[in-house]
Amino acid sequence: MKKAVFLIVGLLSVILLHSQNYNLPNLIFGTLPLANKISYPVNHGSMVGYYDAQPFGGPYSHLGADINGSTYGNSDEGDTIYSIGNGQVVCLFEGNYGDGRNDCHAYIIEILHKTRRGLIISQYRHCKEVFIVPDQRVTYLQPIATIGTECGHFLAHLHFEIRTDLNILIGGGYGNSEGFIDPMKFIQDYNK
């Protein structure tokens, strides 16, 4: 019975993620700070000690990068996630995967950035703890959350996306890549 309830709650959460809609806050884009630098969302902006376990695209049409600790398993659970650049939190989604007695929460964060190449949204999934609130301005490499397992649904990792279409719903992390860009390539190229 517990497994059935957990499965139903999990499925409802996935349905909510696909139907979640939000409006970008009324930002005055001229006052949104420019993201002069963009860096990786782990290890103070470095991928040392981490790897991309499931790159953008591929046979499953992955819409982001799955950043894992190099020592595998859940070794990166609780590691700090950093904002890739100056921006503003436009979405903080909390999923509850509990059974009423053992509640477990997982978070998705979306941050709007004004870059030299236009506006983008960075998305961070499977967050265990969050250190930010909706509409908060964030700075380059500011701690925003910790890496989680989405309540044991996955091994610990950070699913990380960059979107150029600001109107895409949260989604499921796979599918049509229109409006998405390879986040690792974007970061590599941005500071050149």
C-alpha atoms as a PDB file:
ATOM      1  CA  MET A   1       0.000   0.000   0.000  1.00  0.00           C
ATOM      2  CA  LYS A   2       2.829   2.414   0.898  1.00  0.00           C
ATOM      3  CA  LYS A   3       4.465   1.852  -2.493  1.00  0.00           C
ATOM      4  CA  ALA A   4       1.177   2.537  -4.289  1.00  0.00           C
ATOM      5  CA  VAL A   5       0.657   5.801  -2.397  1.00  0.00           C
ATOM      6  CA  PHE A   6       4.276   6.836  -3.047  1.00  0.00           C
ATOM      7  CA  LEU A   7       3.875   6.023  -6.751  1.00  0.00           C
ATOM      8  CA  ILE A   8       0.640   8.020  -7.012  1.00  0.00           C
ATOM      9  CA  VAL A   9       2.177  11.013  -5.211  1.00  0.00           C
ATOM     10  CA  GLY A  10       5.251  10.764  -7.460  1.00  0.00           C
ATOM     11  CA  LEU A  11       3.125  10.625 -10.623  1.00  0.00           C
ATOM     12  CA  LEU A  12       1.053  13.603  -9.479  1.00  0.00           C
ATOM     13  CA  SER A  13       4.274  15.534  -8.909  1.00  0.00           C
ATOM     14  CA  VAL A  14       5.453  14.743 -12.455  1.00  0.00           C
ATOM     15  CA  ILE A  15       2.087  15.864 -13.850  1.00  0.00           C
ATOM     16  CA  LEU A  16       2.337  19.092 -11.841  1.00  0.00           C
ATOM     17  CA  LEU A  17       5.844  19.685 -13.146  1.00  0.00           C
ATOM     18  CA  HIS A  18       4.606  19.394 -16.712  1.00  0.00           C
ATOM     19  CA  SER A  19       1.672  21.706 -16.105  1.00  0.00           C
ATOM     20  CA  GLN A  20       3.404  24.179 -13.780  1.00  0.00           C
ATOM     21  CA  ASN A  21       3.105  27.655 -15.195  1.00  0.00           C
ATOM     22  CA  TYR A  22       4.607  30.829 -13.831  1.00  0.00           C
ATOM     23  CA  ASN A  23       4.890  34.377 -14.951  1.00  0.00           C
ATOM     24  CA  LEU A  24       8.233  36.087 -14.984  1.00  0.00           C
ATOM     25  CA  PRO A  25       8.149  38.800 -12.336  1.00  0.00           C
ATOM     26  CA  ASN A  26       7.723  42.362 -13.466  1.00  0.00           C
ATOM     27  CA  LEU A  27      11.407  42.992 -13.934  1.00  0.00           C
ATOM     28  CA  ILE A  28      12.894  46.177 -15.192  1.00  0.00           C
ATOM     29  CA  PHE A  29      15.450  44.464 -17.418  1.00  0.00           C
ATOM     30  CA  GLY A  30      17.661  47.539 -17.418  1.00  0.00           C
ATOM     31  CA  THR A  31      18.223  47.049 -13.690  1.00  0.00           C
ATOM     32  CA  LEU A  32      18.844  43.299 -13.858  1.00  0.00           C
ATOM     33  CA  PRO A  33      22.619  43.052 -13.390  1.00  0.00           C
ATOM     34  CA  LEU A  34      24.635  41.793 -16.333  1.00  0.00           C
ATOM     35  CA  ALA A  35      26.116  38.334 -15.876  1.00  0.00           C
ATOM     36  CA  ASN A  36      29.654  39.323 -16.848  1.00  0.00           C
ATOM     37  CA  LYS A  37      30.951  35.886 -15.907  1.00  0.00           C
ATOM     38  CA  ILE A  38      29.196  32.526 -16.157  1.00  0.00           C
ATOM     39  CA  SER A  39      30.617  29.462 -14.394  1.00  0.00           C
ATOM     40  CA  TYR A  40      29.699  25.879 -13.586  1.00  0.00           C
ATOM     41  CA  PRO A  41      27.137  25.474 -10.784  1.00  0.00           C
ATOM     42  CA  VAL A  42      29.365  23.239  -8.623  1.00  0.00           C
ATOM     43  CA  ASN A  43      32.719  23.417  -6.807  1.00  0.00           C
ATOM     44  CA  HIS A  44      32.897  27.236  -6.742  1.00  0.00           C
ATOM     45  CA  GLY A  45      32.534  27.330 -10.542  1.00  0.00           C
ATOM     46  CA  SER A  46      34.832  24.409 -11.415  1.00  0.00           C
ATOM     47  CA  MET A  47      34.055  20.915 -12.694  1.00  0.00           C
ATOM     48  CA  VAL A  48      37.059  19.476 -10.819  1.00  0.00           C
ATOM     49  CA  GLY A  49      35.659  16.531  -8.843  1.00  0.00           C
ATOM     50  CA  TYR A  50      32.544  16.324 -11.043  1.00  0.00           C
ATOM     51  CA  TYR A  51      31.575  15.001 -14.475  1.00  0.00           C
ATOM     52  CA  ASP A  52      28.626  15.225 -16.860  1.00  0.00           C
ATOM     53  CA  ALA A  53      27.004  11.803 -16.524  1.00  0.00           C
ATOM     54  CA  GLN A  54      24.308  12.452 -19.135  1.00  0.00           C
ATOM     55  CA  PRO A  55      25.214  15.219 -21.593  1.00  0.00           C
ATOM     56  CA  PHE A  56      22.784  17.442 -23.477  1.00  0.00           C
ATOM     57  CA  GLY A  57      21.001  15.777 -26.403  1.00  0.00           C
ATOM     58  CA  GLY A  58      21.905  12.178 -27.126  1.00  0.00           C
ATOM     59  CA  PRO A  59      19.554   9.293 -27.868  1.00  0.00           C
ATOM     60  CA  TYR A  60      17.116  10.288 -25.098  1.00  0.00           C
ATOM     61  CA  SER A  61      16.928  13.998 -26.065  1.00  0.00           C
ATOM     62  CA  HIS A  62      18.228  15.111 -22.670  1.00  0.00           C
ATOM     63  CA  LEU A  63      17.609  18.843 -22.220  1.00  0.00           C
ATOM     64  CA  GLY A  64      20.411  19.502 -19.760  1.00  0.00           C
ATOM     65  CA  ALA A  65      23.509  18.079 -18.133  1.00  0.00           C
ATOM     66  CA  ASP A  66      23.477  15.655 -15.200  1.00  0.00           C
ATOM     67  CA  ILE A  67      26.382  16.744 -13.017  1.00  0.00           C
ATOM     68  CA  ASN A  68      27.635  13.995 -10.691  1.00  0.00           C
ATOM     69  CA  GLY A  69      30.466  13.738  -8.209  1.00  0.00           C
ATOM     70  CA  SER A  70      33.482  11.900  -9.634  1.00  0.00           C
ATOM     71  CA  THR A  71      33.379   9.346  -6.813  1.00  0.00           C
ATOM     72  CA  TYR A  72      29.934   8.159  -8.002  1.00  0.00           C
ATOM     73  CA  GLY A  73      26.899   7.021  -6.033  1.00  0.00           C
ATOM     74  CA  ASN A  74      25.533   9.562  -3.595  1.00  0.00           C
ATOM     75  CA  SER A  75      28.945  11.024  -2.791  1.00  0.00           C
ATOM     76  CA  ASP A  76      27.844  14.488  -3.962  1.00  0.00           C
ATOM     77  CA  GLU A  77      24.604  14.557  -1.936  1.00  0.00           C
ATOM     78  CA  GLY A  78      24.563  17.772   0.066  1.00  0.00           C
ATOM     79  CA  ASP A  79      27.251  19.490  -2.038  1.00  0.00           C
ATOM     80  CA  THR A  80      26.598  23.179  -2.641  1.00  0.00           C
ATOM     81  CA  ILE A  81      24.989  24.378  -5.875  1.00  0.00           C
ATOM     82  CA  TYR A  82      25.976  27.880  -7.002  1.00  0.00           C
ATOM     83  CA  SER A  83      24.271  30.424  -9.230  1.00  0.00           C
ATOM     84  CA  ILE A  84      26.137  30.424 -12.544  1.00  0.00           C
ATOM     85  CA  GLY A  85      25.975  34.240 -12.703  1.00  0.00           C
ATOM     86  CA  ASN A  86      24.204  37.387 -11.548  1.00  0.00           C
ATOM     87  CA  GLY A  87      20.447  37.114 -11.934  1.00  0.00           C
ATOM     88  CA  GLN A  88      17.038  36.862 -10.298  1.00  0.00           C
ATOM     89  CA  VAL A  89      15.129  33.815  -9.043  1.00  0.00           C
ATOM     90  CA  VAL A  90      11.996  33.502 -11.192  1.00  0.00           C
ATOM     91  CA  CYS A  91      10.794  30.084 -10.024  1.00  0.00           C
ATOM     92  CA  LEU A  92      11.197  28.006  -6.881  1.00  0.00           C
ATOM     93  CA  PHE A  93       9.142  24.822  -7.171  1.00  0.00           C
ATOM     94  CA  GLU A  94       8.801  22.492  -4.181  1.00  0.00           C
ATOM     95  CA  GLY A  95       7.762  18.904  -4.789  1.00  0.00           C
ATOM     96  CA  ASN A  96       6.513  16.844  -1.839  1.00  0.00           C
ATOM     97  CA  TYR A  97       7.202  13.125  -2.189  1.00  0.00           C
ATOM     98  CA  GLY A  98       6.011  12.044   1.235  1.00  0.00           C
ATOM     99  CA  ASP A  99       3.367   9.601   2.319  1.00  0.00           C
ATOM    100  CA  GLY A 100       1.910  11.920   4.966  1.00  0.00           C
ATOM    101  CA  ARG A 101       4.138  10.548   7.706  1.00  0.00           C
ATOM    102  CA  ASN A 102       7.567  10.780   6.109  1.00  0.00           C
ATOM    103  CA  ASP A 103       7.450  13.897   3.996  1.00  0.00           C
ATOM    104  CA  CYS A 104      10.350  14.537   1.687  1.00  0.00           C
ATOM    105  CA  HIS A 105      10.847  17.675  -0.369  1.00  0.00           C
ATOM    106  CA  ALA A 106      12.795  18.267  -3.578  1.00  0.00           C
ATOM    107  CA  TYR A 107      13.193  21.620  -5.269  1.00  0.00           C
ATOM    108  CA  ILE A 108      13.615  23.102  -8.730  1.00  0.00           C
ATOM    109  CA  ILE A 109      15.132  26.576  -9.065  1.00  0.00           C
ATOM    110  CA  GLU A 110      15.053  28.796 -12.145  1.00  0.00           C
ATOM    111  CA  ILE A 111      17.156  31.966 -12.375  1.00  0.00           C
ATOM    112  CA  LEU A 112      16.867  34.647 -15.059  1.00  0.00           C
ATOM    113  CA  HIS A 113      20.204  36.033 -16.288  1.00  0.00           C
ATOM    114  CA  LYS A 114      20.949  38.977 -18.562  1.00  0.00           C
ATOM    115  CA  THR A 115      23.998  37.914 -20.568  1.00  0.00           C
ATOM    116  CA  ARG A 116      25.999  39.462 -23.394  1.00  0.00           C
ATOM    117  CA  ARG A 117      24.112  37.013 -25.651  1.00  0.00           C
ATOM    118  CA  GLY A 118      20.625  37.891 -24.380  1.00  0.00           C
ATOM    119  CA  LEU A 119      18.346  36.652 -21.629  1.00  0.00           C
ATOM    120  CA  ILE A 120      18.617  33.043 -20.435  1.00  0.00           C
ATOM    121  CA  ILE A 121      17.148  30.953 -17.642  1.00  0.00           C
ATOM    122  CA  SER A 122      19.323  28.516 -15.723  1.00  0.00           C
ATOM    123  CA  GLN A 123      17.469  25.628 -14.100  1.00  0.00           C
ATOM    124  CA  TYR A 124      18.689  23.480 -11.191  1.00  0.00           C
ATOM    125  CA  ARG A 125      16.812  20.253 -10.326  1.00  0.00           C
ATOM    126  CA  HIS A 126      16.844  17.644  -7.568  1.00  0.00           C
ATOM    127  CA  CYS A 127      17.833  20.238  -4.955  1.00  0.00           C
ATOM    128  CA  LYS A 128      17.736  19.021  -1.365  1.00  0.00           C
ATOM    129  CA  GLU A 129      17.956  22.341   0.520  1.00  0.00           C
ATOM    130  CA  VAL A 130      17.496  25.845  -0.828  1.00  0.00           C
ATOM    131  CA  PHE A 131      19.096  29.074   0.338  1.00  0.00           C
ATOM    132  CA  ILE A 132      17.109  31.511  -1.819  1.00  0.00           C
ATOM    133  CA  VAL A 133      13.519  32.755  -2.166  1.00  0.00           C
ATOM    134  CA  PRO A 134      11.393  33.683  -5.214  1.00  0.00           C
ATOM    135  CA  ASP A 135      12.245  37.047  -6.815  1.00  0.00           C
ATOM    136  CA  GLN A 136      15.548  37.248  -4.925  1.00  0.00           C
ATOM    137  CA  ARG A 137      18.495  38.774  -6.764  1.00  0.00           C
ATOM    138  CA  VAL A 138      21.507  36.453  -6.758  1.00  0.00           C
ATOM    139  CA  THR A 139      25.154  37.066  -7.510  1.00  0.00           C
ATOM    140  CA  TYR A 140      27.840  35.155  -9.390  1.00  0.00           C
ATOM    141  CA  LEU A 141      28.653  31.902  -7.541  1.00  0.00           C
ATOM    142  CA  GLN A 142      26.241  32.627  -4.688  1.00  0.00           C
ATOM    143  CA  PRO A 143      25.237  29.387  -2.919  1.00  0.00           C
ATOM    144  CA  ILE A 144      21.595  28.697  -3.834  1.00  0.00           C
ATOM    145  CA  ALA A 145      20.951  25.060  -2.841  1.00  0.00           C
ATOM    146  CA  THR A 146      22.429  21.608  -2.220  1.00  0.00           C
ATOM    147  CA  ILE A 147      22.484  18.522  -4.443  1.00  0.00           C
ATOM    148  CA  GLY A 148      19.869  15.916  -3.606  1.00  0.00           C
ATOM    149  CA  THR A 149      18.393  12.607  -4.719  1.00  0.00           C
ATOM    150  CA  GLU A 150      14.823  13.840  -5.250  1.00  0.00           C
ATOM    151  CA  CYS A 151      13.822  11.877  -2.167  1.00  0.00           C
ATOM    152  CA  GLY A 152      15.614   8.714  -3.275  1.00  0.00           C
ATOM    153  CA  HIS A 153      14.170   8.629  -6.796  1.00  0.00           C
ATOM    154  CA  PHE A 154      17.671   9.064  -8.264  1.00  0.00           C
ATOM    155  CA  LEU A 155      21.271   8.824  -7.204  1.00  0.00           C
ATOM    156  CA  ALA A 156      22.455  12.254  -6.092  1.00  0.00           C
ATOM    157  CA  HIS A 157      23.157  14.609  -8.989  1.00  0.00           C
ATOM    158  CA  LEU A 158      22.304  18.051 -10.310  1.00  0.00           C
ATOM    159  CA  HIS A 159      20.176  18.198 -13.446  1.00  0.00           C
ATOM    160  CA  PHE A 160      21.220  21.543 -14.953  1.00  0.00           C
ATOM    161  CA  GLU A 161      19.594  23.300 -17.927  1.00  0.00           C
ATOM    162  CA  ILE A 162      19.984  26.589 -19.774  1.00  0.00           C
ATOM    163  CA  ARG A 163      16.981  27.914 -21.694  1.00  0.00           C
ATOM    164  CA  THR A 164      16.867  30.695 -24.260  1.00  0.00           C
ATOM    165  CA  ASP A 165      13.062  30.565 -24.496  1.00  0.00           C
ATOM    166  CA  LEU A 166      11.787  32.234 -21.315  1.00  0.00           C
ATOM    167  CA  ASN A 167       8.261  30.849 -21.744  1.00  0.00           C
ATOM    168  CA  ILE A 168       8.984  27.104 -21.528  1.00  0.00           C
ATOM    169  CA  LEU A 169       7.229  25.311 -18.667  1.00  0.00           C
ATOM    170  CA  ILE A 170       9.307  23.417 -16.114  1.00  0.00           C
ATOM    171  CA  GLY A 171       8.982  20.131 -18.054  1.00  0.00           C
ATOM    172  CA  GLY A 172      10.461  16.719 -17.488  1.00  0.00           C
ATOM    173  CA  GLY A 173      14.092  17.143 -18.586  1.00  0.00           C
ATOM    174  CA  TYR A 174      13.732  15.272 -21.902  1.00  0.00           C
ATOM    175  CA  GLY A 175      12.149  16.110 -25.244  1.00  0.00           C
ATOM    176  CA  ASN A 176      12.262  18.718 -27.983  1.00  0.00           C
ATOM    177  CA  SER A 177      15.401  20.844 -27.546  1.00  0.00           C
ATOM    178  CA  GLU A 178      13.946  23.972 -29.155  1.00  0.00           C
ATOM    179  CA  GLY A 179      14.575  26.839 -26.726  1.00  0.00           C
ATOM    180  CA  PHE A 180      17.293  24.934 -24.839  1.00  0.00           C
ATOM    181  CA  ILE A 181      21.064  25.086 -25.286  1.00  0.00           C
ATOM    182  CA  ASP A 182      23.860  22.770 -24.221  1.00  0.00           C
ATOM    183  CA  PRO A 183      24.673  24.221 -20.785  1.00  0.00           C
ATOM    184  CA  MET A 184      28.238  22.904 -20.609  1.00  0.00           C
ATOM    185  CA  LYS A 185      29.141  24.248 -24.055  1.00  0.00           C
ATOM    186  CA  PHE A 186      27.499  27.595 -23.275  1.00  0.00           C
ATOM    187  CA  ILE A 187      29.615  27.984 -20.124  1.00  0.00           C
ATOM    188  CA  GLN A 188      32.812  26.898 -21.915  1.00  0.00           C
ATOM    189  CA  ASP A 189      32.238  29.428 -24.699  1.00  0.00           C
ATOM    190  CA  TYR A 190      30.849  32.348 -22.695  1.00  0.00           C
ATOM    191  CA  ASN A 191      34.028  33.517 -20.966  1.00  0.00           C
ATOM    192  CA  LYS A 192      36.306  33.213 -24.017  1.00  0.00           C
END
